[in-house]
Amino acid sequence: MHAGNQNHYNEYLGKFVKINKARNARNSKLSGTIVNETKNMLYLSDHKSKNVIKVPKGEICEYEICHNSGTCTLDGKRLLGRPEELVNKVK
């Protein structure tokens, strides 16, 4: 957690994410910057087309997220739930 961050509950906002595996093959290998997050959906800004892509969280099986200290590969189940409730799951 980042001390002093007003959106401390949404650690993923603004981070680059790459979906490695998804139940829907069309969503596998998608990547972009997370511009919004809801209970059931991630909104990714595609760097190539500049479009916002909606990806259901329940379809994501494995993803990579980039942050200051490197890249982490995580299970998609960690994304499930409201952003403000994920604080307890990430610890």
PDB file of N, CA and C in Angstrom:
ATOM      1  N   MET A   1       0.831  -1.177   0.000  1.00  0.00           N
ATOM      2  CA  MET A   1       0.000   0.000   0.000  1.00  0.00           C
ATOM      3  C   MET A   1       0.879   1.245   0.000  1.00  0.00           C
ATOM      4  N   HIS A   2       0.445   2.246  -0.702  1.00  0.00           N
ATOM      5  CA  HIS A   2       1.189   3.494  -0.778  1.00  0.00           C
ATOM      6  C   HIS A   2       0.608   4.483   0.219  1.00  0.00           C
ATOM      7  N   ALA A   3       1.391   4.887   1.196  1.00  0.00           N
ATOM      8  CA  ALA A   3       0.916   5.838   2.197  1.00  0.00           C
ATOM      9  C   ALA A   3       0.628   7.176   1.548  1.00  0.00           C
ATOM     10  N   GLY A   4      -0.482   7.785   1.932  1.00  0.00           N
ATOM     11  CA  GLY A   4      -0.822   9.092   1.423  1.00  0.00           C
ATOM     12  C   GLY A   4      -1.559   9.078   0.088  1.00  0.00           C
ATOM     13  N   ASN A   5      -1.753   7.937  -0.500  1.00  0.00           N
ATOM     14  CA  ASN A   5      -2.458   7.841  -1.768  1.00  0.00           C
ATOM     15  C   ASN A   5      -3.956   7.911  -1.498  1.00  0.00           C
ATOM     16  N   GLN A   6      -4.641   8.909  -2.081  1.00  0.00           N
ATOM     17  CA  GLN A   6      -6.060   9.073  -1.833  1.00  0.00           C
ATOM     18  C   GLN A   6      -6.867   7.897  -2.368  1.00  0.00           C
ATOM     19  N   ASN A   7      -6.442   7.279  -3.435  1.00  0.00           N
ATOM     20  CA  ASN A   7      -7.113   6.101  -3.971  1.00  0.00           C
ATOM     21  C   ASN A   7      -6.380   4.847  -3.522  1.00  0.00           C
ATOM     22  N   HIS A   8      -6.068   4.769  -2.237  1.00  0.00           N
ATOM     23  CA  HIS A   8      -5.282   3.640  -1.744  1.00  0.00           C
ATOM     24  C   HIS A   8      -5.972   2.306  -1.975  1.00  0.00           C
ATOM     25  N   TYR A   9      -7.306   2.304  -2.097  1.00  0.00           N
ATOM     26  CA  TYR A   9      -8.019   1.063  -2.309  1.00  0.00           C
ATOM     27  C   TYR A   9      -7.893   0.571  -3.742  1.00  0.00           C
ATOM     28  N   ASN A  10      -7.513   1.433  -4.669  1.00  0.00           N
ATOM     29  CA  ASN A  10      -7.418   1.027  -6.062  1.00  0.00           C
ATOM     30  C   ASN A  10      -5.964   1.061  -6.504  1.00  0.00           C
ATOM     31  N   GLU A  11      -5.222   0.073  -6.092  1.00  0.00           N
ATOM     32  CA  GLU A  11      -3.798   0.005  -6.403  1.00  0.00           C
ATOM     33  C   GLU A  11      -3.521  -0.207  -7.884  1.00  0.00           C
ATOM     34  N   TYR A  12      -4.492  -0.697  -8.639  1.00  0.00           N
ATOM     35  CA  TYR A  12      -4.262  -1.036 -10.034  1.00  0.00           C
ATOM     36  C   TYR A  12      -4.515   0.106 -10.995  1.00  0.00           C
ATOM     37  N   LEU A  13      -5.223   1.134 -10.602  1.00  0.00           N
ATOM     38  CA  LEU A  13      -5.551   2.245 -11.475  1.00  0.00           C
ATOM     39  C   LEU A  13      -4.275   2.909 -11.993  1.00  0.00           C
ATOM     40  N   GLY A  14      -4.157   3.014 -13.301  1.00  0.00           N
ATOM     41  CA  GLY A  14      -2.975   3.605 -13.914  1.00  0.00           C
ATOM     42  C   GLY A  14      -1.839   2.635 -14.171  1.00  0.00           C
ATOM     43  N   LYS A  15      -1.972   1.401 -13.748  1.00  0.00           N
ATOM     44  CA  LYS A  15      -0.927   0.392 -13.954  1.00  0.00           C
ATOM     45  C   LYS A  15      -1.114  -0.310 -15.298  1.00  0.00           C
ATOM     46  N   PHE A  16      -0.004  -0.767 -15.871  1.00  0.00           N
ATOM     47  CA  PHE A  16      -0.041  -1.539 -17.112  1.00  0.00           C
ATOM     48  C   PHE A  16      -0.290  -2.995 -16.757  1.00  0.00           C
ATOM     49  N   VAL A  17      -1.235  -3.619 -17.447  1.00  0.00           N
ATOM     50  CA  VAL A  17      -1.576  -5.012 -17.184  1.00  0.00           C
ATOM     51  C   VAL A  17      -1.608  -5.782 -18.505  1.00  0.00           C
ATOM     52  N   LYS A  18      -1.192  -7.039 -18.419  1.00  0.00           N
ATOM     53  CA  LYS A  18      -1.247  -7.937 -19.578  1.00  0.00           C
ATOM     54  C   LYS A  18      -1.998  -9.190 -19.137  1.00  0.00           C
ATOM     55  N   ILE A  19      -3.034  -9.548 -19.868  1.00  0.00           N
ATOM     56  CA  ILE A  19      -3.806 -10.748 -19.553  1.00  0.00           C
ATOM     57  C   ILE A  19      -3.159 -11.925 -20.260  1.00  0.00           C
ATOM     58  N   ASN A  20      -2.636 -12.871 -19.494  1.00  0.00           N
ATOM     59  CA  ASN A  20      -1.963 -14.036 -20.070  1.00  0.00           C
ATOM     60  C   ASN A  20      -2.948 -15.126 -20.472  1.00  0.00           C
ATOM     61  N   LYS A  21      -3.922 -15.394 -19.601  1.00  0.00           N
ATOM     62  CA  LYS A  21      -4.909 -16.444 -19.858  1.00  0.00           C
ATOM     63  C   LYS A  21      -6.286 -15.930 -19.479  1.00  0.00           C
ATOM     64  N   ALA A  22      -7.268 -16.238 -20.342  1.00  0.00           N
ATOM     65  CA  ALA A  22      -8.650 -15.868 -20.054  1.00  0.00           C
ATOM     66  C   ALA A  22      -9.565 -16.959 -20.575  1.00  0.00           C
ATOM     67  N   ARG A  23     -10.737 -17.084 -19.946  1.00  0.00           N
ATOM     68  CA  ARG A  23     -11.710 -18.085 -20.397  1.00  0.00           C
ATOM     69  C   ARG A  23     -12.185 -17.787 -21.818  1.00  0.00           C
ATOM     70  N   ASN A  24     -12.312 -16.510 -22.157  1.00  0.00           N
ATOM     71  CA  ASN A  24     -12.674 -16.089 -23.502  1.00  0.00           C
ATOM     72  C   ASN A  24     -11.370 -15.847 -24.260  1.00  0.00           C
ATOM     73  N   ALA A  25     -11.113 -16.626 -25.289  1.00  0.00           N
ATOM     74  CA  ALA A  25      -9.851 -16.542 -26.024  1.00  0.00           C
ATOM     75  C   ALA A  25      -9.606 -15.147 -26.598  1.00  0.00           C
ATOM     76  N   ARG A  26     -10.664 -14.397 -26.879  1.00  0.00           N
ATOM     77  CA  ARG A  26     -10.504 -13.050 -27.427  1.00  0.00           C
ATOM     78  C   ARG A  26      -9.847 -12.107 -26.426  1.00  0.00           C
ATOM     79  N   ASN A  27      -9.964 -12.413 -25.149  1.00  0.00           N
ATOM     80  CA  ASN A  27      -9.376 -11.558 -24.117  1.00  0.00           C
ATOM     81  C   ASN A  27      -7.974 -11.989 -23.701  1.00  0.00           C
ATOM     82  N   SER A  28      -7.543 -13.165 -24.123  1.00  0.00           N
ATOM     83  CA  SER A  28      -6.180 -13.599 -23.832  1.00  0.00           C
ATOM     84  C   SER A  28      -5.213 -12.732 -24.626  1.00  0.00           C
ATOM     85  N   LYS A  29      -4.124 -12.410 -24.005  1.00  0.00           N
ATOM     86  CA  LYS A  29      -3.046 -11.612 -24.598  1.00  0.00           C
ATOM     87  C   LYS A  29      -3.392 -10.140 -24.775  1.00  0.00           C
ATOM     88  N   LEU A  30      -4.516  -9.672 -24.203  1.00  0.00           N
ATOM     89  CA  LEU A  30      -4.816  -8.241 -24.213  1.00  0.00           C
ATOM     90  C   LEU A  30      -3.899  -7.544 -23.225  1.00  0.00           C
ATOM     91  N   SER A  31      -3.594  -6.290 -23.486  1.00  0.00           N
ATOM     92  CA  SER A  31      -2.793  -5.519 -22.551  1.00  0.00           C
ATOM     93  C   SER A  31      -3.170  -4.051 -22.659  1.00  0.00           C
ATOM     94  N   GLY A  32      -2.874  -3.323 -21.613  1.00  0.00           N
ATOM     95  CA  GLY A  32      -3.145  -1.893 -21.607  1.00  0.00           C
ATOM     96  C   GLY A  32      -3.057  -1.344 -20.202  1.00  0.00           C
ATOM     97  N   THR A  33      -3.309  -0.054 -20.091  1.00  0.00           N
ATOM     98  CA  THR A  33      -3.291   0.627 -18.808  1.00  0.00           C
ATOM     99  C   THR A  33      -4.704   0.619 -18.226  1.00  0.00           C
ATOM    100  N   ILE A  34      -4.819   0.283 -16.957  1.00  0.00           N
ATOM    101  CA  ILE A  34      -6.128   0.257 -16.307  1.00  0.00           C
ATOM    102  C   ILE A  34      -6.579   1.694 -16.069  1.00  0.00           C
ATOM    103  N   VAL A  35      -7.702   2.065 -16.711  1.00  0.00           N
ATOM    104  CA  VAL A  35      -8.227   3.423 -16.570  1.00  0.00           C
ATOM    105  C   VAL A  35      -9.454   3.473 -15.668  1.00  0.00           C
ATOM    106  N   ASN A  36     -10.084   2.321 -15.428  1.00  0.00           N
ATOM    107  CA  ASN A  36     -11.223   2.256 -14.522  1.00  0.00           C
ATOM    108  C   ASN A  36     -11.399   0.809 -14.088  1.00  0.00           C
ATOM    109  N   GLU A  37     -12.030   0.642 -12.932  1.00  0.00           N
ATOM    110  CA  GLU A  37     -12.270  -0.699 -12.413  1.00  0.00           C
ATOM    111  C   GLU A  37     -13.575  -0.681 -11.629  1.00  0.00           C
ATOM    112  N   THR A  38     -14.424  -1.666 -11.885  1.00  0.00           N
ATOM    113  CA  THR A  38     -15.653  -1.835 -11.129  1.00  0.00           C
ATOM    114  C   THR A  38     -15.625  -3.225 -10.497  1.00  0.00           C
ATOM    115  N   LYS A  39     -16.702  -3.597  -9.846  1.00  0.00           N
ATOM    116  CA  LYS A  39     -16.768  -4.905  -9.192  1.00  0.00           C
ATOM    117  C   LYS A  39     -16.527  -6.040 -10.184  1.00  0.00           C
ATOM    118  N   ASN A  40     -17.085  -5.935 -11.386  1.00  0.00           N
ATOM    119  CA  ASN A  40     -17.031  -7.037 -12.350  1.00  0.00           C
ATOM    120  C   ASN A  40     -16.250  -6.754 -13.620  1.00  0.00           C
ATOM    121  N   MET A  41     -15.669  -5.565 -13.751  1.00  0.00           N
ATOM    122  CA  MET A  41     -15.079  -5.192 -15.035  1.00  0.00           C
ATOM    123  C   MET A  41     -13.778  -4.410 -14.859  1.00  0.00           C
ATOM    124  N   LEU A  42     -12.825  -4.680 -15.766  1.00  0.00           N
ATOM    125  CA  LEU A  42     -11.618  -3.862 -15.892  1.00  0.00           C
ATOM    126  C   LEU A  42     -11.734  -3.094 -17.198  1.00  0.00           C
ATOM    127  N   TYR A  43     -11.312  -1.850 -17.194  1.00  0.00           N
ATOM    128  CA  TYR A  43     -11.303  -1.022 -18.400  1.00  0.00           C
ATOM    129  C   TYR A  43      -9.857  -0.719 -18.728  1.00  0.00           C
ATOM    130  N   LEU A  44      -9.392  -1.221 -19.871  1.00  0.00           N
ATOM    131  CA  LEU A  44      -8.004  -1.061 -20.278  1.00  0.00           C
ATOM    132  C   LEU A  44      -7.909  -0.093 -21.444  1.00  0.00           C
ATOM    133  N   SER A  45      -6.963   0.826 -21.379  1.00  0.00           N
ATOM    134  CA  SER A  45      -6.681   1.723 -22.488  1.00  0.00           C
ATOM    135  C   SER A  45      -5.646   1.038 -23.369  1.00  0.00           C
ATOM    136  N   ASP A  46      -6.055   0.713 -24.591  1.00  0.00           N
ATOM    137  CA  ASP A  46      -5.169   0.046 -25.545  1.00  0.00           C
ATOM    138  C   ASP A  46      -4.198   1.068 -26.120  1.00  0.00           C
ATOM    139  N   HIS A  47      -2.897   0.802 -26.011  1.00  0.00           N
ATOM    140  CA  HIS A  47      -1.883   1.757 -26.449  1.00  0.00           C
ATOM    141  C   HIS A  47      -1.831   1.903 -27.970  1.00  0.00           C
ATOM    142  N   LYS A  48      -2.194   0.863 -28.686  1.00  0.00           N
ATOM    143  CA  LYS A  48      -2.127   0.912 -30.154  1.00  0.00           C
ATOM    144  C   LYS A  48      -3.290   1.698 -30.740  1.00  0.00           C
ATOM    145  N   SER A  49      -4.509   1.325 -30.378  1.00  0.00           N
ATOM    146  CA  SER A  49      -5.696   1.940 -30.983  1.00  0.00           C
ATOM    147  C   SER A  49      -6.248   3.102 -30.171  1.00  0.00           C
ATOM    148  N   LYS A  50      -5.759   3.293 -28.936  1.00  0.00           N
ATOM    149  CA  LYS A  50      -6.240   4.331 -28.018  1.00  0.00           C
ATOM    150  C   LYS A  50      -7.702   4.121 -27.605  1.00  0.00           C
ATOM    151  N   ASN A  51      -8.236   2.932 -27.843  1.00  0.00           N
ATOM    152  CA  ASN A  51      -9.592   2.595 -27.412  1.00  0.00           C
ATOM    153  C   ASN A  51      -9.570   2.058 -25.991  1.00  0.00           C
ATOM    154  N   VAL A  52     -10.723   2.127 -25.326  1.00  0.00           N
ATOM    155  CA  VAL A  52     -10.875   1.524 -24.008  1.00  0.00           C
ATOM    156  C   VAL A  52     -11.546   0.168 -24.197  1.00  0.00           C
ATOM    157  N   ILE A  53     -10.914  -0.873 -23.675  1.00  0.00           N
ATOM    158  CA  ILE A  53     -11.395  -2.244 -23.809  1.00  0.00           C
ATOM    159  C   ILE A  53     -11.993  -2.664 -22.473  1.00  0.00           C
ATOM    160  N   LYS A  54     -13.216  -3.190 -22.501  1.00  0.00           N
ATOM    161  CA  LYS A  54     -13.856  -3.694 -21.286  1.00  0.00           C
ATOM    162  C   LYS A  54     -13.594  -5.193 -21.192  1.00  0.00           C
ATOM    163  N   VAL A  55     -13.060  -5.627 -20.062  1.00  0.00           N
ATOM    164  CA  VAL A  55     -12.760  -7.038 -19.848  1.00  0.00           C
ATOM    165  C   VAL A  55     -13.440  -7.488 -18.556  1.00  0.00           C
ATOM    166  N   PRO A  56     -14.346  -8.474 -18.626  1.00  0.00           N
ATOM    167  CA  PRO A  56     -14.965  -8.997 -17.403  1.00  0.00           C
ATOM    168  C   PRO A  56     -13.911  -9.658 -16.511  1.00  0.00           C
ATOM    169  N   LYS A  57     -13.887  -9.278 -15.246  1.00  0.00           N
ATOM    170  CA  LYS A  57     -12.908  -9.837 -14.316  1.00  0.00           C
ATOM    171  C   LYS A  57     -13.045 -11.351 -14.176  1.00  0.00           C
ATOM    172  N   GLY A  58     -14.266 -11.860 -14.234  1.00  0.00           N
ATOM    173  CA  GLY A  58     -14.505 -13.289 -14.066  1.00  0.00           C
ATOM    174  C   GLY A  58     -13.899 -14.144 -15.153  1.00  0.00           C
ATOM    175  N   GLU A  59     -13.555 -13.557 -16.299  1.00  0.00           N
ATOM    176  CA  GLU A  59     -12.947 -14.311 -17.397  1.00  0.00           C
ATOM    177  C   GLU A  59     -11.433 -14.387 -17.298  1.00  0.00           C
ATOM    178  N   ILE A  60     -10.829 -13.544 -16.464  1.00  0.00           N
ATOM    179  CA  ILE A  60      -9.369 -13.485 -16.376  1.00  0.00           C
ATOM    180  C   ILE A  60      -8.858 -14.603 -15.472  1.00  0.00           C
ATOM    181  N   CYS A  61      -8.013 -15.464 -16.023  1.00  0.00           N
ATOM    182  CA  CYS A  61      -7.438 -16.583 -15.256  1.00  0.00           C
ATOM    183  C   CYS A  61      -6.051 -16.244 -14.709  1.00  0.00           C
ATOM    184  N   GLU A  62      -5.249 -15.529 -15.508  1.00  0.00           N
ATOM    185  CA  GLU A  62      -3.895 -15.161 -15.090  1.00  0.00           C
ATOM    186  C   GLU A  62      -3.528 -13.843 -15.756  1.00  0.00           C
ATOM    187  N   TYR A  63      -2.891 -12.969 -14.994  1.00  0.00           N
ATOM    188  CA  TYR A  63      -2.495 -11.680 -15.547  1.00  0.00           C
ATOM    189  C   TYR A  63      -1.167 -11.230 -14.960  1.00  0.00           C
ATOM    190  N   GLU A  64      -0.518 -10.307 -15.657  1.00  0.00           N
ATOM    191  CA  GLU A  64       0.714  -9.691 -15.182  1.00  0.00           C
ATOM    192  C   GLU A  64       0.434  -8.219 -14.965  1.00  0.00           C
ATOM    193  N   ILE A  65       0.967  -7.675 -13.891  1.00  0.00           N
ATOM    194  CA  ILE A  65       0.814  -6.245 -13.633  1.00  0.00           C
ATOM    195  C   ILE A  65       2.191  -5.651 -13.403  1.00  0.00           C
ATOM    196  N   CYS A  66       2.435  -4.513 -14.024  1.00  0.00           N
ATOM    197  CA  CYS A  66       3.724  -3.835 -13.900  1.00  0.00           C
ATOM    198  C   CYS A  66       3.625  -2.725 -12.873  1.00  0.00           C
ATOM    199  N   HIS A  67       4.629  -2.631 -12.025  1.00  0.00           N
ATOM    200  CA  HIS A  67       4.709  -1.559 -11.043  1.00  0.00           C
ATOM    201  C   HIS A  67       6.159  -1.179 -10.862  1.00  0.00           C
ATOM    202  N   ASN A  68       6.440  -0.260  -9.982  1.00  0.00           N
ATOM    203  CA  ASN A  68       7.785   0.295  -9.830  1.00  0.00           C
ATOM    204  C   ASN A  68       8.860  -0.752  -9.552  1.00  0.00           C
ATOM    205  N   SER A  69       8.529  -1.793  -8.800  1.00  0.00           N
ATOM    206  CA  SER A  69       9.544  -2.775  -8.440  1.00  0.00           C
ATOM    207  C   SER A  69       9.590  -3.970  -9.385  1.00  0.00           C
ATOM    208  N   GLY A  70       8.842  -3.941 -10.480  1.00  0.00           N
ATOM    209  CA  GLY A  70       8.902  -5.023 -11.456  1.00  0.00           C
ATOM    210  C   GLY A  70       7.532  -5.482 -11.898  1.00  0.00           C
ATOM    211  N   THR A  71       7.477  -6.710 -12.393  1.00  0.00           N
ATOM    212  CA  THR A  71       6.241  -7.294 -12.900  1.00  0.00           C
ATOM    213  C   THR A  71       5.874  -8.509 -12.063  1.00  0.00           C
ATOM    214  N   CYS A  72       4.589  -8.623 -11.729  1.00  0.00           N
ATOM    215  CA  CYS A  72       4.086  -9.770 -10.966  1.00  0.00           C
ATOM    216  C   CYS A  72       3.069 -10.515 -11.814  1.00  0.00           C
ATOM    217  N   THR A  73       3.120 -11.838 -11.789  1.00  0.00           N
ATOM    218  CA  THR A  73       2.102 -12.665 -12.420  1.00  0.00           C
ATOM    219  C   THR A  73       1.179 -13.151 -11.313  1.00  0.00           C
ATOM    220  N   LEU A  74      -0.136 -12.895 -11.486  1.00  0.00           N
ATOM    221  CA  LEU A  74      -1.102 -13.198 -10.440  1.00  0.00           C
ATOM    222  C   LEU A  74      -2.282 -13.982 -10.980  1.00  0.00           C
ATOM    223  N   ASP A  75      -2.957 -14.680 -10.082  1.00  0.00           N
ATOM    224  CA  ASP A  75      -4.173 -15.420 -10.400  1.00  0.00           C
ATOM    225  C   ASP A  75      -5.316 -14.426 -10.584  1.00  0.00           C
ATOM    226  N   GLY A  76      -6.139 -14.640 -11.595  1.00  0.00           N
ATOM    227  CA  GLY A  76      -7.253 -13.755 -11.883  1.00  0.00           C
ATOM    228  C   GLY A  76      -8.266 -13.650 -10.755  1.00  0.00           C
ATOM    229  N   LYS A  77      -8.335 -14.653  -9.888  1.00  0.00           N
ATOM    230  CA  LYS A  77      -9.276 -14.614  -8.761  1.00  0.00           C
ATOM    231  C   LYS A  77      -8.993 -13.452  -7.824  1.00  0.00           C
ATOM    232  N   ARG A  78      -7.772 -12.959  -7.825  1.00  0.00           N
ATOM    233  CA  ARG A  78      -7.417 -11.831  -6.959  1.00  0.00           C
ATOM    234  C   ARG A  78      -8.107 -10.545  -7.383  1.00  0.00           C
ATOM    235  N   LEU A  79      -8.619 -10.494  -8.610  1.00  0.00           N
ATOM    236  CA  LEU A  79      -9.292  -9.296  -9.116  1.00  0.00           C
ATOM    237  C   LEU A  79     -10.761  -9.225  -8.728  1.00  0.00           C
ATOM    238  N   LEU A  80     -11.342 -10.363  -8.376  1.00  0.00           N
ATOM    239  CA  LEU A  80     -12.780 -10.415  -8.149  1.00  0.00           C
ATOM    240  C   LEU A  80     -13.185  -9.589  -6.940  1.00  0.00           C
ATOM    241  N   GLY A  81     -14.224  -8.797  -7.109  1.00  0.00           N
ATOM    242  CA  GLY A  81     -14.749  -7.964  -6.035  1.00  0.00           C
ATOM    243  C   GLY A  81     -14.615  -6.489  -6.337  1.00  0.00           C
ATOM    244  N   ARG A  82     -15.178  -5.682  -5.465  1.00  0.00           N
ATOM    245  CA  ARG A  82     -15.094  -4.229  -5.600  1.00  0.00           C
ATOM    246  C   ARG A  82     -13.663  -3.780  -5.318  1.00  0.00           C
ATOM    247  N   PRO A  83     -13.204  -2.740  -6.009  1.00  0.00           N
ATOM    248  CA  PRO A  83     -11.826  -2.276  -5.790  1.00  0.00           C
ATOM    249  C   PRO A  83     -11.527  -1.959  -4.327  1.00  0.00           C
ATOM    250  N   GLU A  84     -12.477  -1.358  -3.614  1.00  0.00           N
ATOM    251  CA  GLU A  84     -12.231  -0.999  -2.212  1.00  0.00           C
ATOM    252  C   GLU A  84     -12.155  -2.220  -1.300  1.00  0.00           C
ATOM    253  N   GLU A  85     -12.682  -3.367  -1.757  1.00  0.00           N
ATOM    254  CA  GLU A  85     -12.617  -4.594  -0.965  1.00  0.00           C
ATOM    255  C   GLU A  85     -11.348  -5.391  -1.246  1.00  0.00           C
ATOM    256  N   LEU A  86     -10.640  -5.062  -2.308  1.00  0.00           N
ATOM    257  CA  LEU A  86      -9.448  -5.813  -2.683  1.00  0.00           C
ATOM    258  C   LEU A  86      -8.270  -5.543  -1.773  1.00  0.00           C
ATOM    259  N   VAL A  87      -8.315  -4.480  -1.001  1.00  0.00           N
ATOM    260  CA  VAL A  87      -7.208  -4.149  -0.083  1.00  0.00           C
ATOM    261  C   VAL A  87      -6.919  -5.329   0.813  1.00  0.00           C
ATOM    262  N   ASN A  88      -7.941  -5.961   1.339  1.00  0.00           N
ATOM    263  CA  ASN A  88      -7.756  -7.092   2.248  1.00  0.00           C
ATOM    264  C   ASN A  88      -7.256  -8.332   1.531  1.00  0.00           C
ATOM    265  N   LYS A  89      -7.592  -8.513   0.245  1.00  0.00           N
ATOM    266  CA  LYS A  89      -7.138  -9.679  -0.503  1.00  0.00           C
ATOM    267  C   LYS A  89      -5.679  -9.572  -0.884  1.00  0.00           C
ATOM    268  N   VAL A  90      -5.204  -8.360  -1.155  1.00  0.00           N
ATOM    269  CA  VAL A  90      -3.843  -8.169  -1.661  1.00  0.00           C
ATOM    270  C   VAL A  90      -2.809  -8.336  -0.576  1.00  0.00           C
ATOM    271  N   LYS A  91      -3.142  -8.021   0.665  1.00  0.00           N
ATOM    272  CA  LYS A  91      -2.153  -8.088   1.759  1.00  0.00           C
ATOM    273  C   LYS A  91      -1.624  -9.481   1.967  1.00  0.00           C
TER     274      LYS A  91
END
